[in-house]
Amino acid sequence: MKTSDIQQEILDLGKTTQAELALLPEEIPGALPCLHILQQGSSKTLEATGDTLRVLFLIQGKLEFSSRERQTVYSEKAVYAEHPQKAVTITALEDAHVLEIRWKLTEKEVQEMESAALPFTQTYEQAQKYRDPFKSEKTISRAIVPHRVLPRFAMGSVETHGTDLIGQHAHPLLDQFFYSFSENDCILLIDSLQHPMKSDTILHIPLGSNHGVFVGETQCAHYLWIDFIPDESGLTYLDEVHKPV
């Protein structure tokens, strides 16, 4: 593993000029992260795609989500996901930054979502906490989108402060992005490589790599993990390692 094998983009969340930016395109087959920058008072309608799931995560700002003639307002970190055949309108009540994850579904998965409780939405703080064998007792882990809510997709977070270690582990059944929050400052351990991850960064964890995180005495780790799950074996793996608390 070499540093050049680690694909990442560092976001400038100081920008308030309205924009939609594609991030790390084609890094994970079927997946595309995007950053939406909205100025206060502006709206954007994310049209129905038919077969591509949109998962929206409010990073910062105050935003109204609207679909099916229902409105939900958040002024803190929150997630919102709707059926691919439904449009969602987002309106910035304050300047806002939104991370969107697009994930291509099969025709069968789209049909099965008809019976799902959608839109799926909750604040970051409401997310179910869990434990897994790789992390210390002081690490806070959240299942923001649990792995059996949306087809072959999961999103969660890790939060801890130094000194701490998330043990190296490999999951070749899952492909994964990390997205770091503004206070994040830690060292990714990827195979034999030590790779600094600072704030506001989206990064692809190489598929099958043995990865973990070291947090030094004055450091903090606070990031999202975003999982793309090819089949039932990946879901079973998450059943085994993510234990709700």
Protein backbone atom coordinates (compact mmCIF):
# COMPACT_ATOMS: atom_id res chain seq x y z
CA MET A 1 0.00 0.00 0.00
CA LYS A 2 1.32 3.45 -1.00
CA THR A 3 0.07 6.94 -0.18
CA SER A 4 -0.89 7.35 -3.84
CA ASP A 5 -3.30 4.42 -3.45
CA ILE A 6 -5.42 6.44 -1.00
CA GLN A 7 -7.99 8.47 -2.93
CA GLN A 8 -9.42 11.47 -1.08
CA GLU A 9 -10.83 14.96 -1.53
CA ILE A 10 -10.61 17.80 1.00
CA LEU A 11 -13.71 20.00 1.07
CA ASP A 12 -13.76 23.75 1.64
CA LEU A 13 -16.75 24.28 3.92
CA GLY A 14 -15.89 27.96 4.18
CA LYS A 15 -17.37 28.40 0.73
CA THR A 16 -20.96 29.65 0.61
CA THR A 17 -21.29 30.09 -3.15
CA GLN A 18 -24.12 27.85 -4.32
CA ALA A 19 -22.71 24.69 -5.88
CA GLU A 20 -23.08 20.96 -6.44
CA LEU A 21 -19.77 19.09 -6.47
CA ALA A 22 -19.24 15.43 -7.39
CA LEU A 23 -16.68 13.75 -5.11
CA LEU A 24 -14.47 10.76 -5.90
CA PRO A 25 -16.50 9.68 -8.95
CA GLU A 26 -16.11 6.02 -9.99
CA GLU A 27 -14.11 5.14 -6.86
CA ILE A 28 -16.83 2.71 -5.72
CA PRO A 29 -18.90 1.10 -8.50
CA GLY A 30 -22.51 2.32 -8.36
CA ALA A 31 -21.81 5.01 -5.74
CA LEU A 32 -21.31 8.75 -6.06
CA PRO A 33 -20.90 11.24 -3.18
CA CYS A 34 -21.82 14.88 -3.86
CA LEU A 35 -21.56 18.07 -1.83
CA HIS A 36 -24.42 20.57 -2.05
CA ILE A 37 -23.69 24.13 -0.93
CA LEU A 38 -26.87 26.17 -0.43
CA GLN A 39 -27.17 29.84 0.42
CA GLN A 40 -29.76 31.00 2.92
CA GLY A 41 -33.15 31.28 1.23
CA SER A 42 -32.30 29.06 -1.73
CA SER A 43 -34.05 25.81 -2.64
CA LYS A 44 -33.12 22.81 -4.74
CA THR A 45 -35.33 19.95 -5.89
CA LEU A 46 -33.62 16.59 -6.18
CA GLU A 47 -35.77 14.88 -8.76
CA ALA A 48 -36.85 11.25 -8.59
CA THR A 49 -34.17 9.08 -10.16
CA GLY A 50 -36.13 5.86 -10.56
CA ASP A 51 -33.31 3.54 -9.51
CA THR A 52 -30.73 5.53 -7.56
CA LEU A 53 -31.02 5.95 -3.81
CA ARG A 54 -30.21 9.40 -2.43
CA VAL A 55 -29.05 9.61 1.18
CA LEU A 56 -28.71 13.21 2.38
CA PHE A 57 -26.64 14.16 5.43
CA LEU A 58 -26.80 17.72 6.77
CA ILE A 59 -23.24 18.59 7.76
CA GLN A 60 -23.90 22.13 8.93
CA GLY A 61 -26.52 24.87 8.64
CA LYS A 62 -30.32 24.83 8.93
CA LEU A 63 -32.33 23.01 6.30
CA GLU A 64 -35.90 22.07 5.46
CA PHE A 65 -36.44 18.71 3.76
CA SER A 66 -39.73 18.32 1.90
CA SER A 67 -41.27 15.26 0.23
CA ARG A 68 -44.78 13.81 -0.02
CA GLU A 69 -46.13 17.21 1.10
CA ARG A 70 -44.37 16.81 4.46
CA GLN A 71 -41.66 19.10 5.79
CA THR A 72 -38.90 18.37 8.30
CA VAL A 73 -36.51 21.04 9.60
CA TYR A 74 -33.09 20.39 11.13
CA SER A 75 -30.49 22.78 12.51
CA GLU A 76 -28.01 20.07 13.50
CA LYS A 77 -26.41 17.04 11.89
CA ALA A 78 -29.16 14.83 10.46
CA VAL A 79 -29.89 12.23 7.80
CA TYR A 80 -32.75 12.05 5.27
CA ALA A 81 -33.41 9.30 2.71
CA GLU A 82 -36.42 8.94 0.41
CA HIS A 83 -37.62 6.38 -2.14
CA PRO A 84 -35.79 6.74 -5.49
CA GLN A 85 -39.11 7.41 -7.21
CA LYS A 86 -39.90 10.40 -4.97
CA ALA A 87 -38.49 13.91 -5.33
CA VAL A 88 -37.04 15.78 -2.35
CA THR A 89 -36.82 19.56 -2.06
CA ILE A 90 -34.22 21.05 0.26
CA THR A 91 -34.49 24.68 1.37
CA ALA A 92 -31.71 26.48 3.23
CA LEU A 93 -33.07 28.41 6.21
CA GLU A 94 -29.42 29.30 6.89
CA ASP A 95 -26.35 28.68 4.71
CA ALA A 96 -26.02 24.89 4.57
CA HIS A 97 -23.70 22.11 3.42
CA VAL A 98 -25.23 18.74 2.58
CA LEU A 99 -23.41 15.51 1.76
CA GLU A 100 -25.41 13.40 -0.68
CA ILE A 101 -24.64 9.74 -1.34
CA ARG A 102 -26.09 8.25 -4.52
CA TRP A 103 -26.30 4.47 -4.70
CA LYS A 104 -27.54 2.50 -7.72
CA LEU A 105 -30.19 -0.10 -6.89
CA THR A 106 -31.58 -3.10 -8.73
CA GLU A 107 -35.15 -3.10 -10.05
CA LYS A 108 -36.08 -5.64 -7.37
CA GLU A 109 -34.65 -3.45 -4.60
CA VAL A 110 -36.63 -0.44 -5.83
CA GLN A 111 -39.81 -2.51 -5.76
CA GLU A 112 -39.05 -3.85 -2.27
CA MET A 113 -38.63 -0.30 -0.97
CA GLU A 114 -42.34 0.31 -1.64
CA SER A 115 -43.07 -1.31 1.73
CA ALA A 116 -40.32 0.54 3.62
CA ALA A 117 -41.06 3.26 6.19
CA LEU A 118 -39.90 6.26 4.19
CA PRO A 119 -38.64 8.88 4.27
CA PHE A 120 -36.09 7.62 6.77
CA THR A 121 -34.88 10.56 8.82
CA GLN A 122 -33.40 11.34 12.21
CA THR A 123 -30.87 13.60 13.86
CA TYR A 124 -27.31 12.45 14.41
CA GLU A 125 -27.83 12.46 18.17
CA GLN A 126 -30.90 10.19 17.87
CA ALA A 127 -28.93 7.45 16.13
CA GLN A 128 -28.67 4.07 17.85
CA LYS A 129 -25.30 3.55 19.52
CA TYR A 130 -23.47 0.26 19.10
CA ARG A 131 -20.30 -1.51 20.15
CA ASP A 132 -17.91 -3.62 18.12
CA PRO A 133 -14.80 -5.62 19.02
CA PHE A 134 -12.31 -3.24 17.38
CA LYS A 135 -12.94 -0.18 19.56
CA SER A 136 -12.23 0.83 23.15
CA GLU A 137 -14.90 1.46 25.78
CA LYS A 138 -14.61 5.24 25.41
CA THR A 139 -15.29 5.22 21.67
CA ILE A 140 -18.82 6.33 20.73
CA SER A 141 -20.19 4.51 17.69
CA ARG A 142 -23.51 5.43 16.07
CA ALA A 143 -25.57 3.57 13.45
CA ILE A 144 -27.01 6.57 11.61
CA VAL A 145 -28.55 4.42 8.86
CA PRO A 146 -28.63 0.85 10.21
CA HIS A 147 -27.58 -1.76 7.70
CA ARG A 148 -30.99 -3.36 7.18
CA VAL A 149 -32.97 -0.15 6.61
CA LEU A 150 -31.94 0.72 3.02
CA PRO A 151 -30.79 -1.75 0.32
CA ARG A 152 -27.12 -2.77 0.71
CA PHE A 153 -26.25 0.50 2.42
CA ALA A 154 -25.29 1.65 5.89
CA MET A 155 -23.94 4.82 7.47
CA GLY A 156 -22.54 5.35 10.92
CA SER A 157 -20.02 7.36 12.88
CA VAL A 158 -17.05 7.02 15.18
CA GLU A 159 -16.15 9.56 17.87
CA THR A 160 -13.29 9.39 20.35
CA HIS A 161 -10.37 11.38 21.74
CA GLY A 162 -6.76 10.54 22.45
CA THR A 163 -5.09 8.47 23.33
CA ASP A 164 -7.14 5.76 21.62
CA LEU A 165 -6.85 3.02 19.03
CA ILE A 166 -9.40 1.47 16.70
CA GLY A 167 -7.84 -1.87 15.93
CA GLN A 168 -6.98 -2.76 12.36
CA HIS A 169 -9.50 -5.01 10.66
CA ALA A 170 -10.43 -6.01 7.12
CA HIS A 171 -13.89 -6.44 5.62
CA PRO A 172 -13.58 -7.50 1.97
CA LEU A 173 -17.38 -7.87 1.92
CA LEU A 174 -17.86 -4.08 2.24
CA ASP A 175 -16.66 -1.07 0.25
CA GLN A 176 -16.38 2.11 2.27
CA PHE A 177 -15.93 5.87 2.35
CA PHE A 178 -14.91 7.88 5.41
CA TYR A 179 -16.00 11.50 5.81
CA SER A 180 -14.31 13.52 8.59
CA PHE A 181 -16.03 16.27 10.57
CA SER A 182 -14.41 19.65 11.24
CA GLU A 183 -12.77 18.65 14.54
CA ASN A 184 -11.33 15.39 13.22
CA ASP A 185 -7.54 14.94 13.42
CA CYS A 186 -6.29 11.36 13.49
CA ILE A 187 -4.05 8.82 11.78
CA LEU A 188 -5.53 6.15 9.54
CA LEU A 189 -3.74 2.81 9.66
CA ILE A 190 -4.17 1.16 6.25
CA ASP A 191 -2.15 -2.05 5.92
CA SER A 192 1.40 -0.85 6.75
CA LEU A 193 0.66 2.80 5.89
CA GLN A 194 0.03 5.63 8.38
CA HIS A 195 -2.13 8.23 6.65
CA PRO A 196 -3.14 11.51 8.40
CA MET A 197 -6.83 12.38 8.08
CA LYS A 198 -7.70 15.96 8.99
CA SER A 199 -11.03 17.78 8.82
CA ASP A 200 -13.65 17.90 6.05
CA THR A 201 -12.17 15.06 4.03
CA ILE A 202 -13.88 12.28 2.10
CA LEU A 203 -11.68 9.25 1.58
CA HIS A 204 -12.03 5.80 0.03
CA ILE A 205 -10.79 2.99 2.26
CA PRO A 206 -9.25 0.54 -0.24
CA LEU A 207 -11.43 -2.54 -0.54
CA GLY A 208 -10.07 -5.43 1.52
CA SER A 209 -7.39 -3.37 3.26
CA ASN A 210 -6.52 -3.97 6.90
CA HIS A 211 -7.48 -0.61 8.39
CA GLY A 212 -7.79 1.09 11.77
CA VAL A 213 -7.33 4.49 13.42
CA PHE A 214 -4.80 5.87 15.90
CA VAL A 215 -5.73 8.95 17.93
CA GLY A 216 -2.83 10.74 19.62
CA GLU A 217 -2.98 12.36 23.05
CA THR A 218 -4.12 15.77 21.78
CA GLN A 219 -6.11 14.45 18.82
CA CYS A 220 -9.76 13.69 18.14
CA ALA A 221 -11.42 11.24 15.77
CA HIS A 222 -14.92 12.11 14.57
CA TYR A 223 -15.98 10.79 11.20
CA LEU A 224 -18.70 9.07 9.21
CA TRP A 225 -18.26 5.64 7.72
CA ILE A 226 -20.39 4.95 4.64
CA ASP A 227 -20.75 1.29 3.67
CA PHE A 228 -21.76 -0.23 0.34
CA ILE A 229 -22.72 -3.87 0.76
CA PRO A 230 -22.67 -6.20 -2.26
CA ASP A 231 -24.78 -9.05 -0.88
CA GLU A 232 -26.27 -10.80 2.14
CA SER A 233 -22.86 -11.95 3.42
CA GLY A 234 -21.93 -8.31 4.08
CA LEU A 235 -25.16 -7.76 6.00
CA THR A 236 -24.49 -10.88 8.05
CA TYR A 237 -21.00 -9.58 8.87
CA LEU A 238 -22.49 -6.33 10.21
CA ASP A 239 -25.07 -8.32 12.21
CA GLU A 240 -22.16 -10.06 13.91
CA VAL A 241 -19.92 -7.08 14.69
CA HIS A 242 -22.39 -4.23 15.41
CA LYS A 243 -24.07 -4.85 18.76
CA PRO A 244 -26.64 -2.19 19.85
CA VAL A 245 -26.23 -0.70 23.33
